[in-house]
Each structure stands twice: as C-alpha cells, then as structure tokens.
Amino acid sequence: LSRCVSVLAAGREADIILDDLSLKNNYSGSNALKHAATMNSLMAIHLAQLHPGTSFVHMSPGVVKTNMLQNMGFPKWITTPFFFLLTPLSVDIKVSGERHLYASTSLDFPPKSKNGGVGAYLLDWDNSPVGNVKVLKKAKEEGVAERVWKHTLEVYRTVCEEGKKW
C-alpha cells in the first residue's frame, strides 16, 4: 500500500490566477481557497501520473466539530451556540478521522498501476467522489498542472536556499 492523503478542500476547485500563482498581487481569502483547492487537486492528478504505484487522495473534511475556534481565542459563549446551529451540517471529529483512515487504507482507491485504478481520487467529507470536473479538464488541457508543479518546485527551492542562510 502506497498512498498520499491530503485533507484540504476537494470539490472547491476553480479557475486560478496563472500569472500570480503565489498570490503576491491578488491575495484574498477567496483566492487563497481557490488556489489551494485547485492546486492540491491538480497535484494529486499530476503525481498519480508520475508515480503510478501510489494513490493520491485529496479530501474535503466538511464541517468538523472541533475546538479550533476556542483555540483561536473565541469565547465559549460564542462558539457553543455557533456549533449548536451547525450540528445538523457537521461531522463528529471521530467520524471524520475514521473516514480519513478509510481513505488512507482502503483498497477502494487503487494506484494507477493496478487494474482499474485511476491513481488520483478527489473525495468529499463522506468519501464520495467530488471535484469540479469542468475546471480540472480545462486546466489539464491548458497544461496548468505542469505549471503548478514547476511553480511548487521553485518555491521549495527558494525556501531551501533561504534555510541554508540561517
């Protein structure tokens, strides 16, 4: 079993700003979410092509009940009613963990080298297939995955060079 699982925002793919992949000139929360989700899905697909013996899974956790807001400093009198209202739409943290463990170990998501395997899987909070197929198809046709991969490697190279200065 060889698998890479990323938990971020599968299904939230959208057109990205190709001439500003780092969002140095166009940063906003919305653009950051679009870029992160789209780049993550493209990388899962791209890496599945490069490494056919490994499955790449990009998942969306959904709304998970955690104490994250309290850890960010929000008082309990705000977070308790907030999560009470979200309860019908939220996933228990243990259930979320179990679903991610399933995606990490299940034979339902074989690598490309296995018979019938596609190698890249975009999954929603309940492990059902998700993904903005229209955006991803357009990105594939335009070679966006390769551009994103090249950009990612350049960012890592820059970070590693800066780290050597310390």
C-alpha atoms as a PDB file:
ATOM      1  CA  LEU A   1       0.000   0.000   0.000  1.00  0.00           C
ATOM      2  CA  SER A   2       1.453   3.306  -1.095  1.00  0.00           C
ATOM      3  CA  ARG A   3      -0.819   6.280  -0.571  1.00  0.00           C
ATOM      4  CA  CYS A   4      -0.633  10.022  -0.048  1.00  0.00           C
ATOM      5  CA  VAL A   5      -3.686  11.657   1.544  1.00  0.00           C
ATOM      6  CA  SER A   6      -4.189  15.398   1.679  1.00  0.00           C
ATOM      7  CA  VAL A   7      -7.081  16.869   3.639  1.00  0.00           C
ATOM      8  CA  LEU A   8      -7.984  20.293   2.347  1.00  0.00           C
ATOM      9  CA  ALA A   9     -10.833  21.275   0.035  1.00  0.00           C
ATOM     10  CA  ALA A  10     -11.524  18.751  -2.708  1.00  0.00           C
ATOM     11  CA  GLY A  11     -14.511  19.855  -4.729  1.00  0.00           C
ATOM     12  CA  ARG A  12     -13.753  23.569  -4.308  1.00  0.00           C
ATOM     13  CA  GLU A  13     -11.625  23.790  -7.447  1.00  0.00           C
ATOM     14  CA  ALA A  14     -11.989  26.975  -9.502  1.00  0.00           C
ATOM     15  CA  ASP A  15     -10.083  28.937 -12.117  1.00  0.00           C
ATOM     16  CA  ILE A  16      -6.827  30.231 -10.659  1.00  0.00           C
ATOM     17  CA  ILE A  17      -4.687  33.257 -11.478  1.00  0.00           C
ATOM     18  CA  LEU A  18      -1.969  31.690 -13.611  1.00  0.00           C
ATOM     19  CA  ASP A  19       0.293  34.736 -13.737  1.00  0.00           C
ATOM     20  CA  ASP A  20       0.216  35.071  -9.922  1.00  0.00           C
ATOM     21  CA  LEU A  21       0.276  31.533  -8.530  1.00  0.00           C
ATOM     22  CA  SER A  22       1.764  32.767  -5.226  1.00  0.00           C
ATOM     23  CA  LEU A  23      -0.959  35.419  -4.964  1.00  0.00           C
ATOM     24  CA  LYS A  24       1.614  38.139  -4.276  1.00  0.00           C
ATOM     25  CA  ASN A  25      -0.547  40.714  -6.088  1.00  0.00           C
ATOM     26  CA  ASN A  26      -4.042  39.213  -5.822  1.00  0.00           C
ATOM     27  CA  TYR A  27      -4.277  37.809  -2.297  1.00  0.00           C
ATOM     28  CA  SER A  28      -7.694  37.383  -0.702  1.00  0.00           C
ATOM     29  CA  GLY A  29      -9.218  34.611   1.378  1.00  0.00           C
ATOM     30  CA  SER A  30     -11.355  33.546  -1.568  1.00  0.00           C
ATOM     31  CA  ASN A  31      -8.401  33.449  -3.971  1.00  0.00           C
ATOM     32  CA  ALA A  32      -6.301  31.548  -1.431  1.00  0.00           C
ATOM     33  CA  LEU A  33      -9.023  28.892  -1.072  1.00  0.00           C
ATOM     34  CA  LYS A  34      -9.439  28.563  -4.844  1.00  0.00           C
ATOM     35  CA  HIS A  35      -5.696  28.299  -5.412  1.00  0.00           C
ATOM     36  CA  ALA A  36      -5.111  25.826  -2.576  1.00  0.00           C
ATOM     37  CA  ALA A  37      -8.001  23.553  -3.544  1.00  0.00           C
ATOM     38  CA  THR A  38      -7.262  23.629  -7.261  1.00  0.00           C
ATOM     39  CA  MET A  39      -3.501  23.242  -6.918  1.00  0.00           C
ATOM     40  CA  ASN A  40      -3.942  20.354  -4.474  1.00  0.00           C
ATOM     41  CA  SER A  41      -6.308  18.501  -6.811  1.00  0.00           C
ATOM     42  CA  LEU A  42      -4.080  19.148  -9.826  1.00  0.00           C
ATOM     43  CA  MET A  43      -1.079  17.873  -7.904  1.00  0.00           C
ATOM     44  CA  ALA A  44      -2.906  14.678  -6.920  1.00  0.00           C
ATOM     45  CA  ILE A  45      -3.692  14.062 -10.578  1.00  0.00           C
ATOM     46  CA  HIS A  46      -0.203  15.045 -11.778  1.00  0.00           C
ATOM     47  CA  LEU A  47       1.629  12.971  -9.167  1.00  0.00           C
ATOM     48  CA  ALA A  48      -0.554   9.941  -9.915  1.00  0.00           C
ATOM     49  CA  GLN A  49       0.771  10.135 -13.490  1.00  0.00           C
ATOM     50  CA  LEU A  50       4.382  10.450 -12.316  1.00  0.00           C
ATOM     51  CA  HIS A  51       4.107   7.703  -9.672  1.00  0.00           C
ATOM     52  CA  PRO A  52       1.665   5.047 -10.918  1.00  0.00           C
ATOM     53  CA  GLY A  53       2.352   2.749  -7.951  1.00  0.00           C
ATOM     54  CA  THR A  54       0.994   5.271  -5.452  1.00  0.00           C
ATOM     55  CA  SER A  55      -2.566   6.504  -4.884  1.00  0.00           C
ATOM     56  CA  PHE A  56      -3.052  10.216  -4.279  1.00  0.00           C
ATOM     57  CA  VAL A  57      -6.178  11.272  -2.404  1.00  0.00           C
ATOM     58  CA  HIS A  58      -7.365  14.851  -1.897  1.00  0.00           C
ATOM     59  CA  MET A  59     -10.226  15.033   0.590  1.00  0.00           C
ATOM     60  CA  SER A  60     -12.566  17.645   1.969  1.00  0.00           C
ATOM     61  CA  PRO A  61     -13.277  17.125   5.672  1.00  0.00           C
ATOM     62  CA  GLY A  62     -16.558  19.052   5.632  1.00  0.00           C
ATOM     63  CA  VAL A  63     -17.561  20.983   8.754  1.00  0.00           C
ATOM     64  CA  VAL A  64     -15.921  19.083  11.611  1.00  0.00           C
ATOM     65  CA  LYS A  65     -16.832  19.800  15.225  1.00  0.00           C
ATOM     66  CA  THR A  66     -13.544  20.747  16.886  1.00  0.00           C
ATOM     67  CA  ASN A  67     -12.407  23.263  19.471  1.00  0.00           C
ATOM     68  CA  MET A  68     -10.475  25.186  16.811  1.00  0.00           C
ATOM     69  CA  LEU A  69     -12.409  28.430  17.329  1.00  0.00           C
ATOM     70  CA  GLN A  70     -11.793  28.329  21.074  1.00  0.00           C
ATOM     71  CA  ASN A  71      -8.089  27.691  20.413  1.00  0.00           C
ATOM     72  CA  MET A  72      -8.135  30.808  18.231  1.00  0.00           C
ATOM     73  CA  GLY A  73      -9.378  32.842  21.192  1.00  0.00           C
ATOM     74  CA  PHE A  74     -13.120  32.931  20.559  1.00  0.00           C
ATOM     75  CA  PRO A  75     -15.023  32.689  23.864  1.00  0.00           C
ATOM     76  CA  LYS A  76     -17.098  29.624  24.600  1.00  0.00           C
ATOM     77  CA  TRP A  77     -20.293  31.710  24.776  1.00  0.00           C
ATOM     78  CA  ILE A  78     -19.817  32.420  21.051  1.00  0.00           C
ATOM     79  CA  THR A  79     -18.592  29.011  19.885  1.00  0.00           C
ATOM     80  CA  THR A  80     -21.188  26.902  21.727  1.00  0.00           C
ATOM     81  CA  PRO A  81     -24.257  28.454  20.023  1.00  0.00           C
ATOM     82  CA  PHE A  82     -22.373  28.605  16.716  1.00  0.00           C
ATOM     83  CA  PHE A  83     -21.683  24.858  16.737  1.00  0.00           C
ATOM     84  CA  PHE A  84     -25.162  24.099  18.048  1.00  0.00           C
ATOM     85  CA  LEU A  85     -26.586  25.759  14.928  1.00  0.00           C
ATOM     86  CA  LEU A  86     -24.116  23.888  12.701  1.00  0.00           C
ATOM     87  CA  THR A  87     -24.768  20.475  14.300  1.00  0.00           C
ATOM     88  CA  PRO A  88     -27.090  19.229  11.526  1.00  0.00           C
ATOM     89  CA  LEU A  89     -24.418  20.109   8.949  1.00  0.00           C
ATOM     90  CA  SER A  90     -21.342  18.978  10.847  1.00  0.00           C
ATOM     91  CA  VAL A  91     -19.355  15.778  11.198  1.00  0.00           C
ATOM     92  CA  ASP A  92     -18.146  14.417  14.517  1.00  0.00           C
ATOM     93  CA  ILE A  93     -14.358  14.574  14.778  1.00  0.00           C
ATOM     94  CA  LYS A  94     -14.067  10.798  15.387  1.00  0.00           C
ATOM     95  CA  VAL A  95     -16.239  10.019  12.357  1.00  0.00           C
ATOM     96  CA  SER A  96     -14.143  12.386  10.264  1.00  0.00           C
ATOM     97  CA  GLY A  97     -10.972  10.639  11.437  1.00  0.00           C
ATOM     98  CA  GLU A  98     -12.431   7.230  10.615  1.00  0.00           C
ATOM     99  CA  ARG A  99     -13.327   8.372   7.103  1.00  0.00           C
ATOM    100  CA  HIS A 100      -9.808   9.681   6.545  1.00  0.00           C
ATOM    101  CA  LEU A 101      -8.321   6.451   7.864  1.00  0.00           C
ATOM    102  CA  TYR A 102     -10.572   4.516   5.472  1.00  0.00           C
ATOM    103  CA  ALA A 103      -9.391   6.632   2.536  1.00  0.00           C
ATOM    104  CA  SER A 104      -5.810   6.061   3.673  1.00  0.00           C
ATOM    105  CA  THR A 105      -6.038   2.276   3.792  1.00  0.00           C
ATOM    106  CA  SER A 106      -8.941   1.051   1.677  1.00  0.00           C
ATOM    107  CA  LEU A 107      -8.420  -0.974  -1.479  1.00  0.00           C
ATOM    108  CA  ASP A 108     -11.238   1.128  -2.995  1.00  0.00           C
ATOM    109  CA  PHE A 109      -8.650   3.693  -4.097  1.00  0.00           C
ATOM    110  CA  PRO A 110      -6.006   1.740  -6.043  1.00  0.00           C
ATOM    111  CA  PRO A 111      -2.978   3.297  -7.721  1.00  0.00           C
ATOM    112  CA  LYS A 112      -2.866   3.789 -11.479  1.00  0.00           C
ATOM    113  CA  SER A 113      -0.672   0.697 -11.910  1.00  0.00           C
ATOM    114  CA  LYS A 114      -3.391  -1.591 -10.521  1.00  0.00           C
ATOM    115  CA  ASN A 115      -6.120  -2.910 -12.780  1.00  0.00           C
ATOM    116  CA  GLY A 116      -8.888  -0.323 -12.863  1.00  0.00           C
ATOM    117  CA  GLY A 117      -7.009   2.215 -10.749  1.00  0.00           C
ATOM    118  CA  VAL A 118      -7.001   5.857 -11.709  1.00  0.00           C
ATOM    119  CA  GLY A 119      -4.403   6.821  -9.091  1.00  0.00           C
ATOM    120  CA  ALA A 120      -5.919  10.171  -8.116  1.00  0.00           C
ATOM    121  CA  TYR A 121      -9.078  10.474  -6.058  1.00  0.00           C
ATOM    122  CA  LEU A 122     -10.933  13.615  -5.040  1.00  0.00           C
ATOM    123  CA  LEU A 123     -13.258  12.802  -2.153  1.00  0.00           C
ATOM    124  CA  ASP A 124     -15.903  14.698  -0.221  1.00  0.00           C
ATOM    125  CA  TRP A 125     -16.413  14.501   3.561  1.00  0.00           C
ATOM    126  CA  ASP A 126     -18.295  11.193   3.190  1.00  0.00           C
ATOM    127  CA  ASN A 127     -15.705   9.616   0.834  1.00  0.00           C
ATOM    128  CA  SER A 128     -17.934  10.140  -2.199  1.00  0.00           C
ATOM    129  CA  PRO A 129     -16.261  11.356  -5.403  1.00  0.00           C
ATOM    130  CA  VAL A 130     -16.168  15.116  -5.784  1.00  0.00           C
ATOM    131  CA  GLY A 131     -14.322  17.621  -7.928  1.00  0.00           C
ATOM    132  CA  ASN A 132     -15.044  20.431 -10.320  1.00  0.00           C
ATOM    133  CA  VAL A 133     -14.581  18.332 -13.455  1.00  0.00           C
ATOM    134  CA  LYS A 134     -15.070  21.284 -15.815  1.00  0.00           C
ATOM    135  CA  VAL A 135     -12.289  23.328 -14.186  1.00  0.00           C
ATOM    136  CA  LEU A 136      -9.936  20.350 -13.874  1.00  0.00           C
ATOM    137  CA  LYS A 137     -10.479  19.295 -17.502  1.00  0.00           C
ATOM    138  CA  LYS A 138      -9.774  22.842 -18.705  1.00  0.00           C
ATOM    139  CA  ALA A 139      -6.661  23.017 -16.507  1.00  0.00           C
ATOM    140  CA  LYS A 140      -5.402  19.705 -17.912  1.00  0.00           C
ATOM    141  CA  GLU A 141      -5.938  20.847 -21.494  1.00  0.00           C
ATOM    142  CA  GLU A 142      -4.031  24.069 -20.784  1.00  0.00           C
ATOM    143  CA  GLY A 143      -1.092  22.341 -19.040  1.00  0.00           C
ATOM    144  CA  VAL A 144      -1.839  24.051 -15.724  1.00  0.00           C
ATOM    145  CA  ALA A 145      -0.797  21.039 -13.601  1.00  0.00           C
ATOM    146  CA  GLU A 146       2.699  21.147 -15.055  1.00  0.00           C
ATOM    147  CA  ARG A 147       2.910  24.918 -14.427  1.00  0.00           C
ATOM    148  CA  VAL A 148       1.732  24.455 -10.852  1.00  0.00           C
ATOM    149  CA  TRP A 149       4.244  21.633 -10.324  1.00  0.00           C
ATOM    150  CA  LYS A 150       7.087  23.763 -11.713  1.00  0.00           C
ATOM    151  CA  HIS A 151       5.992  26.671  -9.500  1.00  0.00           C
ATOM    152  CA  THR A 152       5.837  24.411  -6.431  1.00  0.00           C
ATOM    153  CA  LEU A 153       9.347  23.097  -7.039  1.00  0.00           C
ATOM    154  CA  GLU A 154      10.615  26.661  -7.463  1.00  0.00           C
ATOM    155  CA  VAL A 155       9.020  27.704  -4.163  1.00  0.00           C
ATOM    156  CA  TYR A 156      10.630  24.735  -2.392  1.00  0.00           C
ATOM    157  CA  ARG A 157      13.997  25.536  -3.971  1.00  0.00           C
ATOM    158  CA  THR A 158      13.751  29.156  -2.778  1.00  0.00           C
ATOM    159  CA  VAL A 159      12.717  28.129   0.734  1.00  0.00           C
ATOM    160  CA  CYS A 160      15.558  25.588   0.970  1.00  0.00           C
ATOM    161  CA  GLU A 161      18.099  28.169  -0.210  1.00  0.00           C
ATOM    162  CA  GLU A 162      16.817  30.672   2.357  1.00  0.00           C
ATOM    163  CA  GLY A 163      17.005  27.995   5.037  1.00  0.00           C
ATOM    164  CA  LYS A 164      20.686  27.432   4.296  1.00  0.00           C
ATOM    165  CA  LYS A 165      21.367  31.086   5.170  1.00  0.00           C
ATOM    166  CA  TRP A 166      20.184  30.536   8.737  1.00  0.00           C
END
